[in-house]
Structures are given as structure tokens and as C-alpha cells.
Amino acid sequence: MRLKNYTEVDTSIAMDHLILAATNLGLGTCWIGKFNLKAAREILDIPKNVLPLIFTPLGYPNDKPRPKTRKKINEIVRYEKWQ
């Protein structure tokens, strides 16, 4: 039996948690999944045996985020049936 490799899933979960924690601290981030692999290797000195999957810049934004509006819970959650 062949086992599934969860590297990409685990990496995505870790990045998601990092972004949520950073946001909670007032830091700005941006999920970057499409990038120039050759340039990333050169700029960050990433060895050939390491495959980067995602990046995020991390820092304090210059601008103020606009207030968040949230839907009411009954607008997004369904119990048992769709009504």
C-alpha cells in the first residue's frame, strides 16, 4: 500500500496558521503560491534539494485596514437541511 504524502497539505495548514496569528498581531501578510522558482532559489539561496511551496511577506502595513463587515451566523451556517 502506498501512503499519501501530505507535505503540501501540512505546509498549507502551517502557512494559514502563521497568517492568522500575524493578522491577530496587526501584521500584514499575503499568500504567495506562484513565483519564479529560479529567482527564489537565487535570492534566498535555497538549495536544489529543497522545493519551496509558498511564501509570505510579513510586516506592519503602512495603511489602515478598512473595518470588517461580517455576515450574521444564520446567513452562512445551515443545520441539517438547506433552508
Protein backbone atom coordinates (compact mmCIF):
# COMPACT_ATOMS: atom_id res chain seq x y z
CA MET A 1 0.00 0.00 0.00
CA ARG A 2 1.33 3.42 -0.96
CA LEU A 3 1.00 6.15 1.65
CA LYS A 4 -0.15 9.63 0.64
CA ASN A 5 2.38 12.40 1.07
CA TYR A 6 0.74 15.26 2.98
CA THR A 7 3.65 17.69 2.66
CA GLU A 8 1.67 20.25 0.67
CA VAL A 9 -1.38 19.98 2.95
CA ASP A 10 0.72 20.31 6.12
CA THR A 11 2.63 23.25 4.65
CA SER A 12 -0.62 24.98 3.72
CA ILE A 13 -2.02 24.46 7.23
CA ALA A 14 1.16 25.86 8.79
CA MET A 15 1.11 28.90 6.49
CA ASP A 16 -2.56 29.51 7.20
CA HIS A 17 -1.92 29.43 10.96
CA LEU A 18 1.06 31.77 10.55
CA ILE A 19 -1.06 34.24 8.57
CA LEU A 20 -3.91 34.12 11.10
CA ALA A 21 -1.51 34.66 14.03
CA ALA A 22 0.25 37.51 12.20
CA THR A 23 -3.07 39.19 11.41
CA ASN A 24 -4.06 38.91 15.07
CA LEU A 25 -0.85 40.81 15.92
CA GLY A 26 -1.61 43.56 13.41
CA LEU A 27 0.89 42.33 10.83
CA GLY A 28 0.22 42.26 7.11
CA THR A 29 0.76 39.15 5.02
CA CYS A 30 -0.04 37.85 1.57
CA TRP A 31 -0.17 34.21 0.46
CA ILE A 32 2.20 33.73 -2.50
CA GLY A 33 1.92 30.39 -4.26
CA LYS A 34 3.01 31.39 -7.76
CA PHE A 35 6.56 32.61 -8.00
CA ASN A 36 9.68 32.33 -10.14
CA LEU A 37 11.41 29.26 -8.68
CA LYS A 38 14.80 30.08 -10.22
CA ALA A 39 14.74 33.65 -8.87
CA ALA A 40 13.56 32.48 -5.43
CA ARG A 41 16.44 29.97 -5.28
CA GLU A 42 18.98 32.64 -6.23
CA ILE A 43 17.68 35.43 -3.99
CA LEU A 44 17.08 33.25 -0.92
CA ASP A 45 19.96 30.82 -1.53
CA ILE A 46 17.59 27.83 -1.47
CA PRO A 47 19.42 24.55 -2.10
CA LYS A 48 18.44 22.37 -5.07
CA ASN A 49 17.17 19.60 -2.78
CA VAL A 50 14.58 21.95 -1.19
CA LEU A 51 11.35 22.73 -3.04
CA PRO A 52 9.66 25.90 -1.80
CA LEU A 53 5.87 25.68 -1.99
CA ILE A 54 4.63 29.03 -0.67
CA PHE A 55 5.95 32.34 0.59
CA THR A 56 4.54 35.28 2.52
CA PRO A 57 5.90 38.74 3.13
CA LEU A 58 5.39 39.74 6.75
CA GLY A 59 5.38 43.21 8.24
CA TYR A 60 3.42 46.16 9.50
CA PRO A 61 1.29 47.71 6.75
CA ASN A 62 1.57 51.44 6.00
CA ASP A 63 -2.16 51.87 5.61
CA LYS A 64 -5.04 51.21 7.98
CA PRO A 65 -7.30 48.30 7.07
CA ARG A 66 -10.91 49.16 6.46
CA PRO A 67 -13.41 47.91 9.05
CA LYS A 68 -14.50 44.33 8.51
CA THR A 69 -18.16 43.57 7.98
CA ARG A 70 -19.36 40.11 8.89
CA LYS A 71 -22.46 38.26 7.84
CA LYS A 72 -24.79 37.05 10.56
CA ILE A 73 -24.17 33.43 11.53
CA ASN A 74 -27.60 32.34 10.23
CA GLU A 75 -26.60 33.65 6.79
CA ILE A 76 -23.67 31.24 6.47
CA VAL A 77 -24.44 28.20 8.66
CA ARG A 78 -27.01 25.54 7.86
CA TYR A 79 -28.23 22.85 10.24
CA GLU A 80 -29.48 19.51 8.90
CA LYS A 81 -31.19 20.98 5.82
CA TRP A 82 -30.65 23.86 3.45
CA GLN A 83 -33.49 26.31 4.05
